[in-house]
């Protein structure tokens, strides 16, 4: 865990290391996408937050943890938002992002 890392820089480092990922700005925030499917959204207003997609069946488990809340506008699709409060457990953040990245890949395969 670390207090010193810049949250956005660390999220970029994690996400952009994976194949076929990119960062785009949408609605004034950095969105991380696998091909055209979003899997992570970083916001800073009023505090640093990271939104990720989870399985709909698992959403309630995340929401039972006070660090998470249902992502506005996307929560009905299984998105949750993690408050990035210090100290940040970067191993956990990477694991959450990896799960969301894999869901984006699954969603793309279902479209074919």
N, C-alpha and C. Protein backbone atom coordinates (compact mmCIF):
# COMPACT_ATOMS: atom_id res chain seq x y z
N UNK A 1 0.84 -1.18 0.00
CA UNK A 1 0.00 0.00 0.00
C UNK A 1 0.88 1.23 0.00
N UNK A 2 0.37 2.29 -0.64
CA UNK A 2 1.18 3.49 -0.74
C UNK A 2 0.32 4.73 -0.72
N UNK A 3 0.79 5.74 -0.02
CA UNK A 3 0.11 7.03 0.00
C UNK A 3 0.71 7.97 -1.04
N UNK A 4 1.90 7.68 -1.50
CA UNK A 4 2.65 8.63 -2.30
C UNK A 4 2.34 8.60 -3.80
N UNK A 5 1.79 7.52 -4.29
CA UNK A 5 1.55 7.40 -5.71
C UNK A 5 0.41 8.28 -6.17
N UNK A 6 0.56 8.86 -7.35
CA UNK A 6 -0.52 9.61 -7.97
C UNK A 6 -1.53 8.60 -8.49
N UNK A 7 -2.79 8.64 -8.01
CA UNK A 7 -3.74 7.61 -8.41
C UNK A 7 -3.91 7.45 -9.92
N UNK A 8 -4.06 8.55 -10.65
CA UNK A 8 -4.25 8.43 -12.09
C UNK A 8 -3.02 7.84 -12.76
N UNK A 9 -1.84 8.27 -12.36
CA UNK A 9 -0.61 7.73 -12.96
C UNK A 9 -0.49 6.24 -12.70
N UNK A 10 -0.85 5.80 -11.52
CA UNK A 10 -0.76 4.37 -11.20
C UNK A 10 -1.82 3.57 -11.96
N UNK A 11 -3.02 4.11 -12.09
CA UNK A 11 -4.07 3.44 -12.86
C UNK A 11 -3.66 3.33 -14.33
N UNK A 12 -3.08 4.39 -14.85
CA UNK A 12 -2.56 4.35 -16.24
C UNK A 12 -1.51 3.26 -16.39
N UNK A 13 -0.59 3.20 -15.45
CA UNK A 13 0.48 2.20 -15.51
C UNK A 13 -0.10 0.79 -15.56
N UNK A 14 -1.09 0.56 -14.72
CA UNK A 14 -1.72 -0.77 -14.67
C UNK A 14 -2.46 -1.06 -15.97
N UNK A 15 -3.36 -0.18 -16.34
CA UNK A 15 -4.26 -0.44 -17.48
C UNK A 15 -3.54 -0.50 -18.82
N UNK A 16 -2.65 0.44 -19.05
CA UNK A 16 -2.04 0.53 -20.37
C UNK A 16 -0.98 -0.53 -20.61
N UNK A 17 -0.68 -1.33 -19.60
CA UNK A 17 0.26 -2.44 -19.78
C UNK A 17 -0.41 -3.65 -20.43
N UNK A 18 -1.74 -3.68 -20.43
CA UNK A 18 -2.47 -4.83 -20.97
C UNK A 18 -2.71 -4.67 -22.47
N UNK A 19 -2.76 -5.77 -23.19
CA UNK A 19 -2.95 -5.72 -24.65
C UNK A 19 -4.25 -5.02 -25.06
N UNK A 20 -4.16 -4.26 -26.14
CA UNK A 20 -5.31 -3.62 -26.77
C UNK A 20 -6.05 -2.65 -25.87
N UNK A 21 -5.34 -2.03 -24.92
CA UNK A 21 -5.99 -1.03 -24.07
C UNK A 21 -5.56 0.37 -24.48
N UNK A 22 -6.44 1.30 -24.19
CA UNK A 22 -6.14 2.69 -24.49
C UNK A 22 -6.89 3.57 -23.51
N UNK A 23 -6.45 4.80 -23.41
CA UNK A 23 -7.10 5.79 -22.58
C UNK A 23 -7.72 6.84 -23.48
N UNK A 24 -8.98 7.17 -23.20
CA UNK A 24 -9.66 8.24 -23.94
C UNK A 24 -10.32 9.15 -22.91
N UNK A 25 -10.58 10.37 -23.31
CA UNK A 25 -11.33 11.26 -22.43
C UNK A 25 -12.78 11.26 -22.88
N UNK A 26 -13.67 10.96 -21.94
CA UNK A 26 -15.10 10.99 -22.20
C UNK A 26 -15.76 11.69 -21.03
N UNK A 27 -16.66 12.57 -21.33
CA UNK A 27 -17.40 13.29 -20.29
C UNK A 27 -16.46 13.97 -19.29
N UNK A 28 -15.28 14.37 -19.78
CA UNK A 28 -14.32 15.08 -18.95
C UNK A 28 -13.47 14.22 -18.03
N UNK A 29 -13.50 12.90 -18.22
CA UNK A 29 -12.75 11.99 -17.35
C UNK A 29 -11.97 10.98 -18.18
N UNK A 30 -10.86 10.48 -17.64
CA UNK A 30 -10.12 9.41 -18.32
C UNK A 30 -10.89 8.09 -18.24
N UNK A 31 -11.12 7.49 -19.38
CA UNK A 31 -11.76 6.17 -19.49
C UNK A 31 -10.70 5.23 -20.05
N UNK A 32 -10.65 4.03 -19.50
CA UNK A 32 -9.73 3.01 -19.98
C UNK A 32 -10.56 1.95 -20.67
N UNK A 33 -10.14 1.63 -21.90
CA UNK A 33 -10.92 0.72 -22.73
C UNK A 33 -10.05 -0.41 -23.26
N UNK A 34 -10.68 -1.56 -23.38
CA UNK A 34 -10.11 -2.67 -24.13
C UNK A 34 -10.84 -2.63 -25.47
N UNK A 35 -10.07 -2.37 -26.52
CA UNK A 35 -10.65 -2.12 -27.84
C UNK A 35 -11.67 -0.99 -27.66
N UNK A 36 -12.96 -1.24 -27.86
CA UNK A 36 -13.94 -0.16 -27.69
C UNK A 36 -14.77 -0.31 -26.42
N UNK A 37 -14.45 -1.29 -25.58
CA UNK A 37 -15.23 -1.58 -24.37
C UNK A 37 -14.58 -0.96 -23.13
N UNK A 38 -15.30 -0.10 -22.42
CA UNK A 38 -14.72 0.50 -21.21
C UNK A 38 -14.61 -0.52 -20.08
N UNK A 39 -13.54 -0.37 -19.29
CA UNK A 39 -13.38 -1.23 -18.11
C UNK A 39 -12.92 -0.45 -16.89
N UNK A 40 -12.60 0.82 -17.05
CA UNK A 40 -12.19 1.63 -15.91
C UNK A 40 -12.42 3.11 -16.19
N UNK A 41 -12.89 3.83 -15.19
CA UNK A 41 -13.12 5.26 -15.32
C UNK A 41 -12.57 5.93 -14.06
N UNK A 42 -11.73 6.93 -14.25
CA UNK A 42 -11.15 7.65 -13.13
C UNK A 42 -11.81 9.02 -13.01
N UNK A 43 -12.22 9.38 -11.80
CA UNK A 43 -12.77 10.72 -11.55
C UNK A 43 -12.08 11.30 -10.32
N UNK A 44 -12.10 12.63 -10.23
CA UNK A 44 -11.45 13.30 -9.09
C UNK A 44 -12.36 14.24 -8.33
N UNK A 45 -13.59 14.38 -8.75
CA UNK A 45 -14.44 15.39 -8.15
C UNK A 45 -15.56 14.76 -7.35
N UNK A 46 -15.63 14.83 -6.09
CA UNK A 46 -14.84 15.69 -5.20
C UNK A 46 -13.56 15.02 -4.69
N UNK A 47 -13.44 13.70 -4.86
CA UNK A 47 -12.24 13.00 -4.43
C UNK A 47 -11.92 11.92 -5.45
N UNK A 48 -10.70 11.37 -5.42
CA UNK A 48 -10.34 10.35 -6.41
C UNK A 48 -11.19 9.09 -6.27
N UNK A 49 -11.75 8.66 -7.39
CA UNK A 49 -12.58 7.46 -7.45
C UNK A 49 -12.23 6.66 -8.69
N UNK A 50 -12.46 5.35 -8.63
CA UNK A 50 -12.25 4.47 -9.77
C UNK A 50 -13.51 3.65 -9.97
N UNK A 51 -14.09 3.75 -11.15
CA UNK A 51 -15.28 2.96 -11.49
C UNK A 51 -14.86 1.77 -12.33
N UNK A 52 -15.46 0.62 -12.00
CA UNK A 52 -15.17 -0.63 -12.70
C UNK A 52 -16.46 -1.38 -12.94
N UNK A 53 -16.44 -2.26 -13.91
CA UNK A 53 -17.59 -3.12 -14.17
C UNK A 53 -17.39 -4.44 -13.43
N UNK A 54 -18.48 -4.90 -12.81
CA UNK A 54 -18.47 -6.20 -12.14
C UNK A 54 -19.68 -6.99 -12.62
N UNK A 55 -19.68 -8.28 -12.38
CA UNK A 55 -20.84 -9.10 -12.73
C UNK A 55 -22.04 -8.57 -11.95
N UNK A 56 -23.20 -8.50 -12.59
CA UNK A 56 -24.41 -8.00 -11.93
C UNK A 56 -24.68 -8.78 -10.65
N UNK A 57 -24.45 -10.08 -10.68
CA UNK A 57 -24.70 -10.92 -9.51
C UNK A 57 -23.78 -10.56 -8.34
N UNK A 58 -22.64 -10.00 -8.63
CA UNK A 58 -21.66 -9.66 -7.60
C UNK A 58 -21.77 -8.21 -7.13
N UNK A 59 -22.53 -7.40 -7.81
CA UNK A 59 -22.60 -5.98 -7.48
C UNK A 59 -22.98 -5.74 -6.02
N UNK A 60 -23.95 -6.48 -5.50
CA UNK A 60 -24.39 -6.30 -4.11
C UNK A 60 -23.28 -6.58 -3.11
N UNK A 61 -22.42 -7.52 -3.43
CA UNK A 61 -21.29 -7.83 -2.55
C UNK A 61 -20.37 -6.61 -2.44
N UNK A 62 -20.09 -5.99 -3.56
CA UNK A 62 -19.25 -4.79 -3.55
C UNK A 62 -19.94 -3.66 -2.80
N UNK A 63 -21.23 -3.48 -3.04
CA UNK A 63 -21.96 -2.37 -2.43
C UNK A 63 -22.12 -2.55 -0.92
N UNK A 64 -21.94 -3.76 -0.42
CA UNK A 64 -21.97 -3.98 1.03
C UNK A 64 -20.71 -3.44 1.71
N UNK A 65 -19.67 -3.19 0.93
CA UNK A 65 -18.41 -2.62 1.42
C UNK A 65 -18.54 -1.09 1.31
N UNK A 66 -18.37 -0.39 2.41
CA UNK A 66 -18.59 1.06 2.43
C UNK A 66 -17.64 1.85 1.52
N UNK A 67 -16.58 1.21 1.05
CA UNK A 67 -15.66 1.91 0.14
C UNK A 67 -16.23 2.03 -1.27
N UNK A 68 -17.29 1.28 -1.58
CA UNK A 68 -17.88 1.25 -2.91
C UNK A 68 -19.26 1.91 -2.91
N UNK A 69 -19.63 2.45 -4.07
CA UNK A 69 -20.99 2.90 -4.29
C UNK A 69 -21.36 2.60 -5.73
N UNK A 70 -22.66 2.60 -5.99
CA UNK A 70 -23.14 2.31 -7.34
C UNK A 70 -22.78 3.48 -8.26
N UNK A 71 -22.17 3.18 -9.37
CA UNK A 71 -21.71 4.21 -10.30
C UNK A 71 -22.91 4.92 -10.93
N UNK A 72 -22.97 6.26 -10.79
CA UNK A 72 -24.06 6.99 -11.43
C UNK A 72 -24.09 6.73 -12.94
N UNK A 73 -25.28 6.60 -13.49
CA UNK A 73 -25.53 6.40 -14.92
C UNK A 73 -25.12 5.02 -15.46
N UNK A 74 -24.25 4.30 -14.76
CA UNK A 74 -23.78 3.00 -15.24
C UNK A 74 -24.07 1.86 -14.28
N UNK A 75 -24.51 2.18 -13.08
CA UNK A 75 -24.73 1.17 -12.06
C UNK A 75 -25.72 0.09 -12.49
N UNK A 76 -26.69 0.46 -13.29
CA UNK A 76 -27.69 -0.52 -13.75
C UNK A 76 -27.08 -1.56 -14.69
N UNK A 77 -25.85 -1.32 -15.12
CA UNK A 77 -25.13 -2.27 -15.98
C UNK A 77 -24.03 -3.01 -15.23
N UNK A 78 -24.03 -2.89 -13.91
CA UNK A 78 -23.06 -3.63 -13.12
C UNK A 78 -21.82 -2.85 -12.73
N UNK A 79 -21.82 -1.55 -12.88
CA UNK A 79 -20.65 -0.75 -12.52
C UNK A 79 -20.72 -0.34 -11.05
N UNK A 80 -19.56 -0.37 -10.39
CA UNK A 80 -19.40 0.12 -9.03
C UNK A 80 -18.21 1.06 -9.00
N UNK A 81 -18.20 1.95 -8.02
CA UNK A 81 -17.12 2.91 -7.89
C UNK A 81 -16.44 2.73 -6.54
N UNK A 82 -15.12 2.67 -6.57
CA UNK A 82 -14.29 2.54 -5.39
C UNK A 82 -13.74 3.91 -5.02
N UNK A 83 -13.96 4.31 -3.78
CA UNK A 83 -13.34 5.55 -3.29
C UNK A 83 -11.86 5.26 -3.05
N UNK A 84 -11.00 6.02 -3.70
CA UNK A 84 -9.56 5.80 -3.57
C UNK A 84 -9.04 6.59 -2.38
N UNK A 85 -9.29 6.06 -1.20
CA UNK A 85 -8.87 6.71 0.03
C UNK A 85 -7.53 6.14 0.46
N UNK A 86 -6.73 6.97 1.08
CA UNK A 86 -5.42 6.53 1.56
C UNK A 86 -5.56 5.73 2.82
N UNK A 87 -4.76 4.72 2.99
CA UNK A 87 -3.81 4.21 2.00
C UNK A 87 -4.53 3.35 0.95
N UNK A 88 -4.07 3.44 -0.27
CA UNK A 88 -4.66 2.68 -1.38
C UNK A 88 -3.94 1.35 -1.49
N UNK A 89 -4.71 0.30 -1.56
CA UNK A 89 -4.15 -1.04 -1.75
C UNK A 89 -4.06 -1.27 -3.26
N UNK A 90 -2.89 -1.02 -3.82
CA UNK A 90 -2.73 -1.08 -5.28
C UNK A 90 -2.85 -2.50 -5.82
N UNK A 91 -2.54 -3.50 -5.03
CA UNK A 91 -2.75 -4.88 -5.48
C UNK A 91 -4.24 -5.14 -5.66
N UNK A 92 -5.06 -4.64 -4.74
CA UNK A 92 -6.50 -4.79 -4.86
C UNK A 92 -7.02 -4.03 -6.08
N UNK A 93 -6.54 -2.81 -6.27
CA UNK A 93 -6.98 -2.00 -7.42
C UNK A 93 -6.63 -2.73 -8.72
N UNK A 94 -5.43 -3.27 -8.80
CA UNK A 94 -5.04 -3.99 -10.01
C UNK A 94 -5.93 -5.21 -10.24
N UNK A 95 -6.24 -5.93 -9.17
CA UNK A 95 -7.11 -7.10 -9.28
C UNK A 95 -8.52 -6.69 -9.75
N UNK A 96 -9.04 -5.61 -9.21
CA UNK A 96 -10.37 -5.12 -9.62
C UNK A 96 -10.37 -4.70 -11.09
N UNK A 97 -9.33 -3.98 -11.49
CA UNK A 97 -9.23 -3.56 -12.89
C UNK A 97 -9.08 -4.76 -13.81
N UNK A 98 -8.31 -5.75 -13.39
CA UNK A 98 -8.12 -6.96 -14.21
C UNK A 98 -9.46 -7.67 -14.41
N UNK A 99 -10.27 -7.76 -13.37
CA UNK A 99 -11.58 -8.38 -13.49
C UNK A 99 -12.48 -7.63 -14.45
N UNK A 100 -12.45 -6.31 -14.38
CA UNK A 100 -13.26 -5.49 -15.27
C UNK A 100 -12.77 -5.60 -16.72
N UNK A 101 -11.46 -5.62 -16.90
CA UNK A 101 -10.84 -5.80 -18.22
C UNK A 101 -11.30 -7.12 -18.83
N UNK A 102 -11.31 -8.18 -18.02
CA UNK A 102 -11.74 -9.50 -18.51
C UNK A 102 -13.23 -9.51 -18.85
N UNK A 103 -14.05 -8.77 -18.09
CA UNK A 103 -15.47 -8.66 -18.43
C UNK A 103 -15.67 -7.94 -19.75
N UNK A 104 -14.85 -6.93 -20.02
CA UNK A 104 -14.93 -6.22 -21.30
C UNK A 104 -14.62 -7.19 -22.45
N UNK A 105 -13.65 -8.04 -22.26
CA UNK A 105 -13.31 -9.03 -23.29
C UNK A 105 -14.44 -10.01 -23.50
N UNK A 106 -15.06 -10.47 -22.40
CA UNK A 106 -16.19 -11.41 -22.51
C UNK A 106 -17.36 -10.76 -23.24
N UNK A 107 -17.62 -9.50 -22.94
CA UNK A 107 -18.74 -8.79 -23.55
C UNK A 107 -18.54 -8.69 -25.06
N UNK A 108 -17.32 -8.47 -25.48
CA UNK A 108 -17.01 -8.35 -26.91
C UNK A 108 -17.24 -9.70 -27.60
N UNK A 109 -16.83 -10.78 -26.94
CA UNK A 109 -17.00 -12.11 -27.53
C UNK A 109 -18.48 -12.46 -27.68
N UNK A 110 -19.31 -12.01 -26.73
CA UNK A 110 -20.75 -12.27 -26.80
C UNK A 110 -21.39 -11.56 -27.99
N UNK A 111 -20.82 -10.43 -28.41
CA UNK A 111 -21.36 -9.65 -29.52
C UNK A 111 -21.16 -10.35 -30.85
N UNK A 112 -20.15 -11.19 -30.94
CA UNK A 112 -19.83 -11.82 -32.22
C UNK A 112 -20.81 -12.90 -32.60
